[in-house]
Amino acid sequence: MDARRVVMALDKLNIEGREDEGARLLEKWRDEAKCEHDEKSELTIVSEMLGQYRRTGEKEKGLLACRDAVDMVYAMSYESTATGATILVNAATTLKAFGKTDESFNLFKKCEKVYEKTLTPDDYRFSALYNNMALTYADLGDFGGASEYFFKALESLEKIDNSDCDRACTWCNLAELYDNFSEDEEKINEFMENAFSCLTEKNTKKDSYLAYTIDRCLPTFDYFGFFLYSRKLREIRSLLDGDKNDIS
């Protein structure tokens, strides 16, 4: 089975807003991989299922896919590899999304150790892991742990080109964290200023990912009363919808 073809077809369905259809096709493709005894392709498909069930909100299927992903990674002796750990991070993210916070935290910690042994410090996977771990610490009520890992995510993103959008999301997450735990208005304002700078820097790519990020961040700007910044971001968003690339 051509796993790359599967992923490309899934991406197309998701872009078109056909997430439920994508989930059903993944189940069909997994059955085909099983019939072909193609374990590697099946594991790739199961990993895609994790994110797909998060999108569709199918908790029971999502948790079953988590169990299958973990079992397959260990059965194939991938748990100490970067590829295996990335699949486990995906599983941990899904566990967290469906309320299994303690289980997800333990899995994230194991993956962190594997990443530290197998990846270079500038690998983008660190930032995704650190952000997820920070959110899990926050769910567990650990402000110190959450704050530490959000800043680790930012430090990691600084090493990656074109990471403005991801840094903006992390600054917004930090602002929300401080609002929930410390109510430090000065810090919150600083974090939101940083987020706005990331989204409006001259070198920030004016593409669909910026549009997606603005959609994610706008509720935070509105919540904290940064209405002038919200207006500017909506203007940028509108221009992006018009496929204009000359945004100043």
Protein backbone atom coordinates (compact mmCIF):
# COMPACT_ATOMS: atom_id res chain seq x y z
CA MET A 1 0.00 0.00 0.00
CA ASP A 2 1.21 3.50 -0.84
CA ALA A 3 0.89 5.19 2.57
CA ARG A 4 1.83 8.56 1.09
CA ARG A 5 -1.14 8.38 -1.26
CA VAL A 6 -3.38 7.65 1.71
CA VAL A 7 -2.14 10.69 3.61
CA MET A 8 -2.50 12.98 0.58
CA ALA A 9 -6.07 11.79 -0.05
CA LEU A 10 -6.92 12.34 3.62
CA ASP A 11 -5.49 15.86 3.59
CA LYS A 12 -7.62 16.71 0.56
CA LEU A 13 -10.80 15.51 2.29
CA ASN A 14 -9.99 17.49 5.45
CA ILE A 15 -9.33 20.66 3.47
CA GLU A 16 -12.74 20.20 1.87
CA GLY A 17 -14.36 19.79 5.29
CA ARG A 18 -15.16 16.11 4.74
CA GLU A 19 -13.63 14.84 8.00
CA ASP A 20 -16.22 12.12 8.61
CA GLU A 21 -15.64 10.71 5.14
CA GLY A 22 -11.90 10.77 5.80
CA ALA A 23 -12.35 8.75 8.99
CA ARG A 24 -14.39 6.11 7.15
CA LEU A 25 -11.80 5.85 4.38
CA LEU A 26 -9.03 5.39 6.94
CA GLU A 27 -10.93 2.43 8.37
CA LYS A 28 -11.26 0.96 4.86
CA TRP A 29 -7.57 1.49 4.13
CA ARG A 30 -6.58 -0.08 7.43
CA ASP A 31 -8.56 -3.20 6.54
CA GLU A 32 -6.73 -3.33 3.20
CA ALA A 33 -3.34 -3.02 4.92
CA LYS A 34 -4.26 -5.85 7.28
CA CYS A 35 -5.26 -8.07 4.36
CA GLU A 36 -1.91 -7.34 2.72
CA HIS A 37 -0.05 -8.03 6.02
CA ASP A 38 1.53 -4.59 5.58
CA GLU A 39 2.28 -3.65 9.19
CA LYS A 40 4.16 -0.45 8.40
CA SER A 41 1.33 0.95 6.30
CA GLU A 42 -1.20 -0.10 8.90
CA LEU A 43 0.73 1.72 11.61
CA THR A 44 0.85 4.86 9.44
CA ILE A 45 -2.91 4.66 8.95
CA VAL A 46 -3.56 4.10 12.66
CA SER A 47 -1.44 7.15 13.42
CA GLU A 48 -3.56 9.19 10.98
CA MET A 49 -6.69 7.83 12.67
CA LEU A 50 -5.59 9.42 15.95
CA GLY A 51 -5.74 12.93 14.55
CA GLN A 52 -8.83 12.20 12.48
CA TYR A 53 -10.86 10.99 15.45
CA ARG A 54 -9.80 14.10 17.36
CA ARG A 55 -11.24 16.17 14.52
CA THR A 56 -14.50 14.23 14.41
CA GLY A 57 -14.80 13.93 18.20
CA GLU A 58 -15.25 10.16 18.12
CA LYS A 59 -14.01 9.35 21.61
CA GLU A 60 -14.53 5.59 21.67
CA LYS A 61 -12.83 5.04 18.31
CA GLY A 62 -10.11 7.51 19.22
CA LEU A 63 -9.24 5.71 22.44
CA LEU A 64 -9.23 2.35 20.66
CA ALA A 65 -6.87 3.78 18.06
CA CYS A 66 -4.60 5.00 20.88
CA ARG A 67 -4.42 1.51 22.33
CA ASP A 68 -3.72 0.00 18.91
CA ALA A 69 -1.03 2.59 18.10
CA VAL A 70 0.80 2.00 21.38
CA ASP A 71 0.55 -1.78 21.06
CA MET A 72 1.83 -1.72 17.47
CA VAL A 73 4.75 0.59 18.23
CA TYR A 74 5.95 -1.71 21.00
CA ALA A 75 5.24 -4.90 19.04
CA MET A 76 7.37 -3.56 16.17
CA SER A 77 10.12 -2.39 18.60
CA TYR A 78 9.77 1.23 17.48
CA GLU A 79 9.35 2.70 20.96
CA SER A 80 12.99 3.86 21.17
CA THR A 81 13.02 5.47 17.73
CA ALA A 82 12.07 9.04 16.82
CA THR A 83 9.42 7.74 14.41
CA GLY A 84 7.85 5.52 17.05
CA ALA A 85 7.97 8.27 19.67
CA THR A 86 6.24 10.67 17.26
CA ILE A 87 3.39 8.19 16.86
CA LEU A 88 3.23 7.85 20.64
CA VAL A 89 3.11 11.65 20.98
CA ASN A 90 0.15 11.60 18.61
CA ALA A 91 -1.49 8.93 20.77
CA ALA A 92 -0.80 10.92 23.94
CA THR A 93 -2.34 14.02 22.35
CA THR A 94 -5.46 12.03 21.54
CA LEU A 95 -5.62 10.57 25.05
CA LYS A 96 -5.46 14.11 26.45
CA ALA A 97 -8.15 15.33 24.05
CA PHE A 98 -10.49 12.62 25.29
CA GLY A 99 -9.89 13.22 28.98
CA LYS A 100 -7.19 10.64 29.75
CA THR A 101 -4.81 13.25 31.14
CA ASP A 102 -2.75 11.05 33.46
CA GLU A 103 -2.15 8.45 30.76
CA SER A 104 -1.19 11.09 28.24
CA PHE A 105 1.25 12.73 30.65
CA ASN A 106 3.11 9.46 31.30
CA LEU A 107 3.36 8.81 27.57
CA PHE A 108 4.60 12.33 26.85
CA LYS A 109 7.37 11.93 29.45
CA LYS A 110 8.55 8.70 27.84
CA CYS A 111 8.58 10.34 24.42
CA GLU A 112 10.57 13.29 25.73
CA LYS A 113 13.39 10.95 26.78
CA VAL A 114 13.41 9.29 23.35
CA TYR A 115 13.47 12.65 21.55
CA GLU A 116 16.38 13.85 23.69
CA LYS A 117 18.37 10.79 22.62
CA THR A 118 17.42 10.69 18.95
CA LEU A 119 16.69 14.22 17.68
CA THR A 120 18.80 17.33 17.17
CA PRO A 121 17.78 20.35 19.30
CA ASP A 122 16.39 22.21 16.26
CA ASP A 123 13.94 19.45 15.31
CA TYR A 124 10.38 20.81 15.04
CA ARG A 125 8.99 17.82 16.93
CA PHE A 126 10.35 19.17 20.21
CA SER A 127 8.15 22.27 20.07
CA ALA A 128 5.01 20.22 19.44
CA LEU A 129 5.89 17.90 22.31
CA TYR A 130 6.66 20.74 24.71
CA ASN A 131 3.44 22.58 23.90
CA ASN A 132 1.41 19.43 24.46
CA MET A 133 3.20 18.73 27.71
CA ALA A 134 2.58 22.30 28.88
CA LEU A 135 -1.14 21.96 28.18
CA THR A 136 -1.17 18.65 30.06
CA TYR A 137 0.57 20.21 33.07
CA ALA A 138 -2.08 22.94 32.98
CA ASP A 139 -4.86 20.34 32.96
CA LEU A 140 -3.23 18.76 36.00
CA GLY A 141 -3.20 22.13 37.78
CA ASP A 142 0.61 22.47 37.71
CA PHE A 143 1.26 26.12 36.79
CA GLY A 144 5.04 25.81 37.20
CA GLY A 145 5.31 22.79 34.93
CA ALA A 146 3.03 24.34 32.31
CA SER A 147 4.92 27.63 32.28
CA GLU A 148 8.29 25.85 32.05
CA TYR A 149 7.26 23.77 29.06
CA PHE A 150 5.63 26.64 27.17
CA PHE A 151 8.92 28.54 27.45
CA LYS A 152 10.80 25.41 26.37
CA ALA A 153 8.53 25.28 23.32
CA LEU A 154 9.32 28.92 22.52
CA GLU A 155 13.05 28.27 22.91
CA SER A 156 12.75 25.34 20.54
CA LEU A 157 10.73 27.36 18.00
CA GLU A 158 13.36 30.09 17.96
CA LYS A 159 15.68 27.54 16.33
CA ILE A 160 13.23 26.85 13.50
CA ASP A 161 12.74 28.99 10.40
CA ASN A 162 9.26 30.37 9.68
CA SER A 163 7.94 29.51 13.13
CA ASP A 164 6.13 32.83 13.68
CA CYS A 165 2.66 31.29 13.66
CA ASP A 166 3.53 28.55 16.12
CA ARG A 167 5.22 31.06 18.42
CA ALA A 168 2.09 33.25 18.32
CA CYS A 169 -0.06 30.32 19.45
CA THR A 170 2.36 29.54 22.27
CA TRP A 171 2.33 33.17 23.48
CA CYS A 172 -1.48 33.07 23.50
CA ASN A 173 -1.39 29.82 25.45
CA LEU A 174 0.93 31.43 27.98
CA ALA A 175 -1.40 34.40 28.37
CA GLU A 176 -4.33 32.08 29.04
CA LEU A 177 -2.23 30.08 31.50
CA TYR A 178 -1.29 33.19 33.49
CA ASP A 179 -4.91 34.35 33.42
CA ASN A 180 -6.05 31.05 34.91
CA PHE A 181 -3.33 30.70 37.54
CA SER A 182 -1.68 34.02 38.39
CA GLU A 183 -3.71 36.90 36.92
CA ASP A 184 -0.44 38.75 36.27
CA GLU A 185 -1.82 41.45 33.98
CA GLU A 186 1.60 42.86 33.09
CA LYS A 187 2.84 39.45 31.93
CA ILE A 188 -0.39 38.75 30.06
CA ASN A 189 -0.08 42.03 28.17
CA GLU A 190 3.54 41.23 27.34
CA PHE A 191 2.61 37.80 26.00
CA MET A 192 -0.20 39.18 23.84
CA GLU A 193 2.10 41.88 22.44
CA ASN A 194 4.55 39.13 21.51
CA ALA A 195 1.81 37.10 19.85
CA PHE A 196 0.68 40.08 17.78
CA SER A 197 4.26 40.80 16.72
CA CYS A 198 4.68 37.21 15.52
CA LEU A 199 1.51 37.39 13.42
CA THR A 200 2.31 40.77 11.84
CA GLU A 201 6.07 40.65 11.33
CA LYS A 202 7.15 41.65 7.84
CA ASN A 203 8.72 38.25 7.19
CA THR A 204 5.74 36.23 8.41
CA LYS A 205 4.46 34.16 5.49
CA LYS A 206 1.07 35.36 4.24
CA ASP A 207 -0.43 31.96 3.56
CA SER A 208 -3.20 29.59 4.61
CA TYR A 209 -1.34 28.64 7.78
CA LEU A 210 -1.30 32.27 8.89
CA ALA A 211 -5.06 32.40 8.24
CA TYR A 212 -5.54 29.26 10.33
CA THR A 213 -3.37 30.67 13.12
CA ILE A 214 -5.22 33.98 13.18
CA ASP A 215 -8.48 32.06 13.54
CA ARG A 216 -6.99 30.21 16.51
CA CYS A 217 -5.60 33.32 18.20
CA LEU A 218 -8.39 35.83 17.63
CA PRO A 219 -10.59 34.58 20.50
CA THR A 220 -7.67 35.16 22.89
CA PHE A 221 -7.14 38.71 21.65
CA ASP A 222 -10.86 39.38 22.01
CA TYR A 223 -10.99 37.82 25.49
CA PHE A 224 -8.21 40.05 26.80
CA GLY A 225 -9.67 43.17 25.20
CA PHE A 226 -7.01 43.74 22.52
CA PHE A 227 -9.66 45.00 20.12
CA LEU A 228 -7.40 47.17 17.95
CA TYR A 229 -5.12 44.20 17.41
CA SER A 230 -8.14 42.01 16.71
CA ARG A 231 -9.33 44.47 14.07
CA LYS A 232 -5.92 44.46 12.38
CA LEU A 233 -5.77 40.66 12.43
CA ARG A 234 -9.26 40.44 10.92
CA GLU A 235 -8.14 42.78 8.15
CA ILE A 236 -5.18 40.52 7.45
CA ARG A 237 -7.46 37.50 7.55
CA SER A 238 -9.83 39.11 5.06
CA LEU A 239 -6.98 39.85 2.67
CA LEU A 240 -5.77 36.28 2.97
CA ASP A 241 -9.23 35.05 2.03
CA GLY A 242 -8.89 37.19 -1.08
CA ASP A 243 -5.59 35.49 -1.95
CA LYS A 244 -3.71 38.77 -1.77
CA ASN A 245 -0.03 38.57 -0.96
CA ASP A 246 0.77 42.27 -0.64
CA ILE A 247 -0.27 42.62 2.99
CA SER A 248 1.67 45.30 4.83
